[in-house]
Amino acid sequence: MKVLMVVASLNPEWGGPVKVVKHSVEQLVKNGVDVTIFSPISRNEKKSIVFPEGVDVRLFKRSLLSNFWTGFSFSFIKLLKQEIRNFDIVHVHELWHFPHFLASRLSIKYNIPFVITVHGALSSFALQLKSFKKKIFGNLFEKEFFRKASGIQAITKTEIAQIKQFEPGSKIKLIFNGIPENDVSVKEGENNLLDIYPEIINKRVALYLGRIDRIKGLDILVESFSIVSAEFDNFMLVIAGPDFGYKKALTRMIKERKIEDKVIFTGTLSGKLKSDAFNNSDVFVLPSHSEAFSIAVLEAIYSKLPVIISRECNFPEIEEINAGILIYPDSSSLTEALRSILHEKNYKSNMGEKGRDFVMNNYTWEKIVFNLLNWYKSIKKNEKNRS
């Protein structure tokens, strides 16, 4: 089976969808699927690109028009038109961007089965961003793509309802995201996080790992941390991730609350440094206003780290298995949750093992890949029966 994955970016700073594509396709290849990835690329971005093992990755230079329509590329248009009929299934990740539009349009034109993974793009908060453009594009193109696609992948139960509301005629398949077993690769001679940031040694640490973006509720985190850190002198906050235009405002908030000496920005962490961040923290915090399904939350739980996440993260199981605390995305809820965690002496050992076992049994790509593979096979079979 030949599958084409179409993505807006393979730069890790793009966020969760890049991890999902990388780890899912590596498992598909191990199970005999021939996978090719088409992705646009910006100048000087190639050094940062994720190259999944065993996968043919085609990169296309973004044009200046990509400033107006994400991922626009003339070379992408040319090659996709030439090669799209060579694939059994086209799998498009995320909505609205140009590669998504062209791959969906050409799949319909040439009668090629295609599926779409939404990745949280239909949440109410996400739809409010550039809402006028999305309404026009949705009515002109997106809803047709949803109706004519062989399937729409939801990654949470909440997303199923969002897809139905957007286009009732969608053929929906629920397949969760996951992480690979033994995710962290350690290179010899790699730095330790504590060598770089010795100020967190022997401190209690709250960790945020993700892009620095307004949607992530980081203003709530800073507000709550400023209150709780006044009560716990040895409490520090580590914010790890790339800036998506919000760091300046966040830094101003931190200075206004006079907690600069208690907050560390590390930039993007990967490999051993990321593993060190999880292992040297006391709690992972994600008070997001909108989230598809956070890979970082899975990584934190896998690392035996208790989590405090908003209900908008669509992971209610963490309370059921006692792996963390669910909150509403507001300062008072987060403040109380942080106090609760810091007052509990054995919270880390109590929550850690249960969470790790749950992730290992339900959310690793080594297991999830068979759901994806069987979905592809059923789509291919249905198309054969129809023709």
Protein backbone atom coordinates (compact mmCIF):
# COMPACT_ATOMS: atom_id res chain seq x y z
CA MET A 1 0.00 0.00 0.00
CA LYS A 2 1.34 3.44 -0.97
CA VAL A 3 0.31 6.34 1.26
CA LEU A 4 1.02 10.03 0.72
CA MET A 5 1.12 12.21 3.84
CA VAL A 6 0.54 15.91 3.19
CA VAL A 7 1.57 18.27 5.99
CA ALA A 8 1.97 22.01 6.47
CA SER A 9 5.40 21.66 8.09
CA LEU A 10 7.94 19.14 9.38
CA ASN A 11 9.61 21.66 11.66
CA PRO A 12 9.28 20.47 15.30
CA GLU A 13 8.43 24.02 16.32
CA TRP A 14 5.18 23.65 14.37
CA GLY A 15 3.89 21.56 17.25
CA GLY A 16 2.14 18.26 17.92
CA PRO A 17 1.12 17.34 14.35
CA VAL A 18 4.81 17.03 13.37
CA LYS A 19 5.41 14.49 16.14
CA VAL A 20 2.25 12.61 15.18
CA VAL A 21 3.30 12.35 11.54
CA LYS A 22 6.88 11.33 12.34
CA HIS A 23 6.05 8.58 14.81
CA SER A 24 2.96 7.24 13.04
CA VAL A 25 4.67 6.90 9.65
CA GLU A 26 7.70 5.17 11.18
CA GLN A 27 5.37 2.54 12.60
CA LEU A 28 3.46 2.27 9.31
CA VAL A 29 6.74 1.61 7.48
CA LYS A 30 7.62 -1.11 9.99
CA ASN A 31 4.29 -2.74 9.12
CA GLY A 32 4.94 -2.76 5.38
CA VAL A 33 3.37 0.51 4.21
CA ASP A 34 5.21 2.57 1.58
CA VAL A 35 4.95 6.16 2.87
CA THR A 36 5.89 9.43 1.18
CA ILE A 37 5.62 12.85 2.84
CA PHE A 38 5.07 16.12 0.96
CA SER A 39 5.81 19.25 2.98
CA PRO A 40 6.62 22.90 2.21
CA ILE A 41 9.79 24.38 3.69
CA SER A 42 11.07 27.89 4.38
CA ARG A 43 14.58 29.18 3.77
CA ASN A 44 17.12 28.01 6.38
CA GLU A 45 14.56 25.60 7.86
CA LYS A 46 16.03 22.35 6.57
CA LYS A 47 18.39 21.91 9.53
CA SER A 48 15.38 21.79 11.85
CA ILE A 49 13.26 19.43 9.75
CA VAL A 50 12.19 16.07 11.17
CA PHE A 51 13.06 13.21 8.80
CA PRO A 52 11.21 10.00 9.77
CA GLU A 53 13.19 6.81 9.26
CA GLY A 54 12.40 4.77 6.15
CA VAL A 55 10.22 7.46 4.58
CA ASP A 56 10.59 9.33 1.29
CA VAL A 57 10.37 13.02 2.29
CA ARG A 58 9.81 15.61 -0.44
CA LEU A 59 10.34 19.23 0.56
CA PHE A 60 9.05 22.21 -1.42
CA LYS A 61 10.20 25.80 -1.17
CA ARG A 62 7.49 28.12 0.12
CA SER A 63 6.83 31.12 -2.09
CA LEU A 64 6.15 34.67 -0.90
CA LEU A 65 2.45 33.89 -1.24
CA SER A 66 2.79 31.61 1.78
CA ASN A 67 2.68 34.82 3.86
CA PHE A 68 -0.97 35.03 2.82
CA TRP A 69 -1.81 31.32 2.54
CA THR A 70 0.22 29.02 4.76
CA GLY A 71 2.43 26.58 2.87
CA PHE A 72 1.89 27.95 -0.63
CA SER A 73 4.48 26.54 -3.02
CA PHE A 74 4.63 26.48 -6.82
CA SER A 75 6.92 23.43 -6.88
CA PHE A 76 4.46 21.62 -4.60
CA ILE A 77 1.66 22.27 -7.11
CA LYS A 78 3.71 20.92 -10.00
CA LEU A 79 4.90 17.71 -8.37
CA LEU A 80 1.63 16.89 -6.60
CA LYS A 81 -0.22 17.08 -9.92
CA GLN A 82 2.34 14.76 -11.45
CA GLU A 83 2.49 12.15 -8.70
CA ILE A 84 -0.76 12.08 -6.72
CA ARG A 85 -2.21 9.28 -8.89
CA ASN A 86 0.68 7.01 -7.85
CA PHE A 87 -0.74 6.63 -4.34
CA ASP A 88 -3.48 4.40 -2.93
CA ILE A 89 -4.45 6.84 -0.18
CA VAL A 90 -3.71 10.49 0.52
CA HIS A 91 -3.64 11.46 4.21
CA VAL A 92 -3.92 15.22 4.81
CA HIS A 93 -3.00 16.68 8.21
CA GLU A 94 -4.66 19.83 9.58
CA LEU A 95 -7.06 22.24 7.86
CA TRP A 96 -7.04 25.58 6.05
CA HIS A 97 -3.45 25.58 4.73
CA PHE A 98 -2.63 25.45 1.01
CA PRO A 99 -1.18 21.88 0.88
CA HIS A 100 -4.40 20.68 2.52
CA PHE A 101 -6.50 22.50 -0.06
CA LEU A 102 -4.59 21.28 -3.11
CA ALA A 103 -4.25 17.66 -1.95
CA SER A 104 -7.96 17.45 -1.15
CA ARG A 105 -8.96 19.12 -4.42
CA LEU A 106 -6.76 16.89 -6.58
CA SER A 107 -7.82 13.74 -4.70
CA ILE A 108 -11.43 14.52 -5.56
CA LYS A 109 -10.54 15.36 -9.16
CA TYR A 110 -8.65 12.11 -9.76
CA ASN A 111 -10.94 9.95 -7.61
CA ILE A 112 -8.19 9.02 -5.12
CA PRO A 113 -9.25 8.03 -1.59
CA PHE A 114 -8.18 10.67 0.90
CA VAL A 115 -8.53 11.18 4.63
CA ILE A 116 -8.13 14.24 6.82
CA THR A 117 -6.87 14.52 10.39
CA VAL A 118 -8.31 17.65 12.00
CA HIS A 119 -5.78 18.11 14.84
CA GLY A 120 -8.07 20.37 16.88
CA ALA A 121 -8.73 22.90 14.13
CA LEU A 122 -12.51 22.83 14.71
CA SER A 123 -12.56 23.75 18.40
CA SER A 124 -14.58 26.87 19.17
CA PHE A 125 -11.43 28.74 20.23
CA ALA A 126 -9.54 27.75 17.06
CA LEU A 127 -12.45 28.76 14.84
CA GLN A 128 -12.50 32.23 16.41
CA LEU A 129 -8.99 32.89 15.08
CA LYS A 130 -9.33 34.47 11.61
CA SER A 131 -13.00 33.48 11.84
CA PHE A 132 -14.17 35.45 8.80
CA LYS A 133 -11.65 33.78 6.46
CA LYS A 134 -12.44 30.35 7.90
CA LYS A 135 -16.18 30.81 7.41
CA ILE A 136 -15.68 31.71 3.75
CA PHE A 137 -13.17 28.93 3.12
CA GLY A 138 -15.29 26.44 5.04
CA ASN A 139 -18.41 27.14 3.02
CA LEU A 140 -16.60 27.28 -0.32
CA PHE A 141 -14.28 24.30 0.07
CA GLU A 142 -13.76 22.68 3.47
CA LYS A 143 -17.24 21.25 3.98
CA GLU A 144 -17.12 19.70 0.51
CA PHE A 145 -13.76 18.14 1.34
CA PHE A 146 -15.26 16.65 4.52
CA ARG A 147 -18.24 15.21 2.63
CA LYS A 148 -16.15 13.70 -0.15
CA ALA A 149 -13.25 12.42 1.95
CA SER A 150 -13.09 8.67 2.56
CA GLY A 151 -12.78 9.48 6.24
CA ILE A 152 -12.17 12.21 8.80
CA GLN A 153 -9.95 11.26 11.72
CA ALA A 154 -10.95 12.55 15.13
CA ILE A 155 -8.34 12.24 17.87
CA THR A 156 -10.70 12.78 20.82
CA LYS A 157 -14.37 12.13 21.55
CA THR A 158 -14.88 15.88 21.82
CA GLU A 159 -13.56 16.29 18.28
CA ILE A 160 -16.17 13.84 16.97
CA ALA A 161 -18.90 16.27 18.06
CA GLN A 162 -17.01 19.22 16.54
CA ILE A 163 -16.70 17.45 13.19
CA LYS A 164 -20.40 16.51 13.17
CA GLN A 165 -21.35 20.10 13.89
CA PHE A 166 -19.09 21.40 11.12
CA GLU A 167 -20.21 18.89 8.48
CA PRO A 168 -22.83 16.27 9.46
CA GLY A 169 -22.06 14.25 6.32
CA SER A 170 -18.52 13.40 7.45
CA LYS A 171 -17.42 9.77 7.78
CA ILE A 172 -15.66 9.93 11.15
CA LYS A 173 -13.05 7.57 12.58
CA LEU A 174 -11.74 7.94 16.13
CA ILE A 175 -8.02 7.13 16.36
CA PHE A 176 -6.08 8.55 19.28
CA ASN A 177 -2.65 10.16 19.09
CA GLY A 178 0.24 8.48 20.86
CA ILE A 179 3.92 8.49 21.65
CA PRO A 180 6.56 5.90 20.78
CA GLU A 181 7.82 3.53 23.42
CA ASN A 182 11.25 4.59 24.69
CA ASP A 183 10.84 7.98 23.03
CA VAL A 184 13.95 9.72 24.34
CA SER A 185 17.17 9.15 22.41
CA VAL A 186 20.32 10.12 24.30
CA LYS A 187 23.46 11.07 22.38
CA GLU A 188 26.86 10.59 23.98
CA GLY A 189 28.26 13.83 25.33
CA GLU A 190 24.88 15.57 25.35
CA ASN A 191 24.49 18.29 27.98
CA ASN A 192 22.45 17.80 31.12
CA LEU A 193 19.68 20.32 31.79
CA LEU A 194 20.97 20.90 35.32
CA ASP A 195 24.38 21.88 33.94
CA ILE A 196 22.72 24.55 31.82
CA TYR A 197 20.24 25.72 34.44
CA PRO A 198 21.80 24.99 37.86
CA GLU A 199 19.31 27.37 39.50
CA ILE A 200 16.63 24.64 39.43
CA ILE A 201 18.76 22.20 41.47
CA ASN A 202 16.96 21.24 44.70
CA LYS A 203 13.95 23.34 43.69
CA ARG A 204 10.36 22.31 43.13
CA VAL A 205 9.62 22.92 39.47
CA ALA A 206 6.46 23.46 37.44
CA LEU A 207 7.09 22.66 33.78
CA TYR A 208 5.30 23.96 30.71
CA LEU A 209 6.45 22.41 27.43
CA GLY A 210 4.94 23.61 24.17
CA ARG A 211 4.84 26.61 21.90
CA ILE A 212 4.62 30.04 23.53
CA ASP A 213 1.22 31.01 22.20
CA ARG A 214 -1.78 32.88 23.60
CA ILE A 215 -4.00 29.84 23.06
CA LYS A 216 -2.00 27.83 25.62
CA GLY A 217 -3.18 29.82 28.66
CA LEU A 218 0.30 30.93 29.68
CA ASP A 219 -1.08 34.18 31.10
CA ILE A 220 -3.09 32.04 33.52
CA LEU A 221 0.00 30.04 34.39
CA VAL A 222 2.10 33.14 35.13
CA GLU A 223 -0.66 34.67 37.25
CA SER A 224 -1.15 31.50 39.32
CA PHE A 225 2.56 30.87 39.63
CA SER A 226 3.15 34.40 40.96
CA ILE A 227 0.63 33.74 43.73
CA VAL A 228 1.83 30.25 44.68
CA SER A 229 5.55 31.01 44.44
CA ALA A 230 5.06 33.69 47.11
CA GLU A 231 3.89 30.88 49.40
CA PHE A 232 6.62 28.38 48.43
CA ASP A 233 10.06 30.02 48.29
CA ASN A 234 11.73 27.11 46.48
CA PHE A 235 9.17 26.96 43.67
CA MET A 236 10.26 27.71 40.07
CA LEU A 237 8.63 27.74 36.65
CA VAL A 238 10.29 26.40 33.48
CA ILE A 239 8.73 27.43 30.17
CA ALA A 240 10.14 25.31 27.34
CA GLY A 241 9.21 25.85 23.71
CA PRO A 242 9.43 28.12 20.66
CA ASP A 243 7.99 31.63 20.63
CA PHE A 244 4.85 32.00 18.50
CA GLY A 245 4.61 35.75 19.03
CA TYR A 246 3.56 35.73 22.69
CA LYS A 247 6.84 35.72 24.63
CA LYS A 248 7.16 39.50 24.73
CA ALA A 249 3.75 39.92 26.39
CA LEU A 250 4.49 37.03 28.75
CA THR A 251 7.86 38.51 29.75
CA ARG A 252 6.14 41.81 30.53
CA MET A 253 3.66 40.01 32.80
CA ILE A 254 6.51 38.26 34.60
CA LYS A 255 8.36 41.56 35.20
CA GLU A 256 5.19 43.26 36.45
CA ARG A 257 4.81 40.50 39.05
CA LYS A 258 8.53 40.67 39.96
CA ILE A 259 9.13 36.95 39.51
CA GLU A 260 11.89 37.12 36.87
CA ASP A 261 14.29 35.22 39.15
CA LYS A 262 11.81 32.33 39.42
CA VAL A 263 10.97 31.83 35.72
CA ILE A 264 13.24 30.25 33.10
CA PHE A 265 12.70 30.26 29.33
CA THR A 266 14.69 27.41 27.78
CA GLY A 267 13.58 27.55 24.15
CA THR A 268 12.80 24.26 22.40
CA LEU A 269 13.99 21.14 24.21
CA SER A 270 14.51 17.74 22.62
CA GLY A 271 16.26 14.44 23.30
CA LYS A 272 17.98 14.19 26.67
CA LEU A 273 17.32 17.83 27.58
CA LYS A 274 13.58 17.25 27.24
CA SER A 275 13.84 14.05 29.23
CA ASP A 276 15.78 15.92 31.92
CA ALA A 277 13.07 18.60 32.03
CA PHE A 278 10.42 15.97 32.79
CA ASN A 279 12.60 14.07 35.26
CA ASN A 280 13.65 17.18 37.21
CA SER A 281 10.19 18.71 37.48
CA ASP A 282 7.48 18.16 40.06
CA VAL A 283 4.41 18.91 37.97
CA PHE A 284 3.56 19.49 34.30
CA VAL A 285 1.09 22.31 33.64
CA LEU A 286 -1.01 23.02 30.53
CA PRO A 287 -3.95 25.40 31.18
CA SER A 288 -4.78 25.60 27.46
CA HIS A 289 -7.85 27.38 26.12
CA SER A 290 -8.02 24.90 23.25
CA GLU A 291 -6.12 21.69 22.59
CA ALA A 292 -6.53 18.85 20.11
CA PHE A 293 -4.71 16.20 22.12
CA SER A 294 -1.42 17.23 23.65
CA ILE A 295 1.52 14.94 22.95
CA ALA A 296 3.44 16.76 25.70
CA VAL A 297 0.84 15.64 28.25
CA LEU A 298 1.36 12.02 27.19
CA GLU A 299 5.13 12.47 27.41
CA ALA A 300 4.83 13.95 30.90
CA ILE A 301 2.61 11.13 32.16
CA TYR A 302 4.90 8.57 30.52
CA SER A 303 7.75 10.18 32.47
CA LYS A 304 5.80 9.59 35.72
CA LEU A 305 5.16 13.31 36.13
CA PRO A 306 1.80 14.43 37.59
CA VAL A 307 -0.07 16.84 35.35
CA ILE A 308 -2.41 19.78 35.80
CA ILE A 309 -4.30 20.36 32.57
CA SER A 310 -7.42 22.21 31.51
CA ARG A 311 -10.57 20.33 30.56
CA GLU A 312 -10.06 21.77 27.08
CA CYS A 313 -7.12 19.37 26.70
CA ASN A 314 -9.68 16.58 26.15
CA PHE A 315 -8.02 14.08 28.45
CA PRO A 316 -10.56 13.35 31.23
CA GLU A 317 -8.94 9.99 31.96
CA ILE A 318 -6.16 11.61 33.98
CA GLU A 319 -8.52 12.12 36.93
CA GLU A 320 -10.05 8.68 36.54
CA ILE A 321 -6.62 7.05 36.85
CA ASN A 322 -5.39 9.60 39.41
CA ALA A 323 -2.53 10.83 37.22
CA GLY A 324 -3.23 14.53 37.73
CA ILE A 325 -5.77 17.28 38.17
CA LEU A 326 -8.27 18.71 35.68
CA ILE A 327 -8.99 22.44 35.90
CA TYR A 328 -10.95 25.13 34.15
CA PRO A 329 -8.67 27.52 32.28
CA ASP A 330 -8.70 30.26 34.89
CA SER A 331 -6.24 31.49 37.51
CA SER A 332 -8.23 30.50 40.60
CA SER A 333 -8.60 26.86 39.47
CA LEU A 334 -4.92 26.57 38.59
CA THR A 335 -3.78 28.27 41.79
CA GLU A 336 -5.71 25.78 43.92
CA ALA A 337 -4.39 22.84 41.89
CA LEU A 338 -0.77 23.97 42.28
CA ARG A 339 -1.26 24.40 46.02
CA SER A 340 -2.78 20.94 46.24
CA ILE A 341 0.15 19.35 44.41
CA LEU A 342 2.81 21.18 46.43
CA HIS A 343 1.19 20.38 49.77
CA GLU A 344 0.98 16.64 49.00
CA LYS A 345 4.26 14.97 49.95
CA ASN A 346 3.86 11.72 48.03
CA TYR A 347 1.86 12.98 45.06
CA LYS A 348 4.63 12.27 42.52
CA SER A 349 5.14 8.62 43.45
CA ASN A 350 1.39 8.01 43.88
CA MET A 351 0.39 9.48 40.54
CA GLY A 352 3.46 8.61 38.48
CA GLU A 353 3.28 4.82 38.18
CA LYS A 354 -0.46 4.74 37.46
CA GLY A 355 -0.12 7.29 34.69
CA ARG A 356 2.83 5.60 33.02
CA ASP A 357 1.09 2.22 32.95
CA PHE A 358 -2.02 3.80 31.44
CA VAL A 359 -0.05 5.47 28.64
CA MET A 360 1.93 2.30 27.91
CA ASN A 361 -1.26 0.25 27.62
CA ASN A 362 -3.31 2.70 25.57
CA TYR A 363 -1.29 5.47 23.93
CA THR A 364 1.82 4.11 22.23
CA TRP A 365 2.18 4.15 18.45
CA GLU A 366 3.30 0.54 18.53
CA LYS A 367 -0.32 -0.28 19.43
CA ILE A 368 -2.24 2.59 17.80
CA VAL A 369 -0.68 2.02 14.37
CA PHE A 370 -2.86 -1.05 13.79
CA ASN A 371 -6.00 1.11 14.09
CA LEU A 372 -4.60 3.43 11.44
CA LEU A 373 -3.47 0.56 9.21
CA ASN A 374 -6.84 -1.22 9.42
CA TRP A 375 -8.59 2.05 8.58
CA TYR A 376 -6.50 2.43 5.44
CA LYS A 377 -7.18 -1.19 4.45
CA SER A 378 -10.93 -0.83 4.89
CA ILE A 379 -10.95 2.35 2.80
CA LYS A 380 -8.94 0.67 0.05
CA LYS A 381 -11.28 -2.35 0.12
CA ASN A 382 -14.38 -0.15 -0.07
CA GLU A 383 -12.95 1.73 -3.05
CA LYS A 384 -12.26 -1.55 -4.86
CA ASN A 385 -15.79 -2.78 -4.24
CA ARG A 386 -17.20 0.48 -5.51
CA SER A 387 -15.20 0.43 -8.78
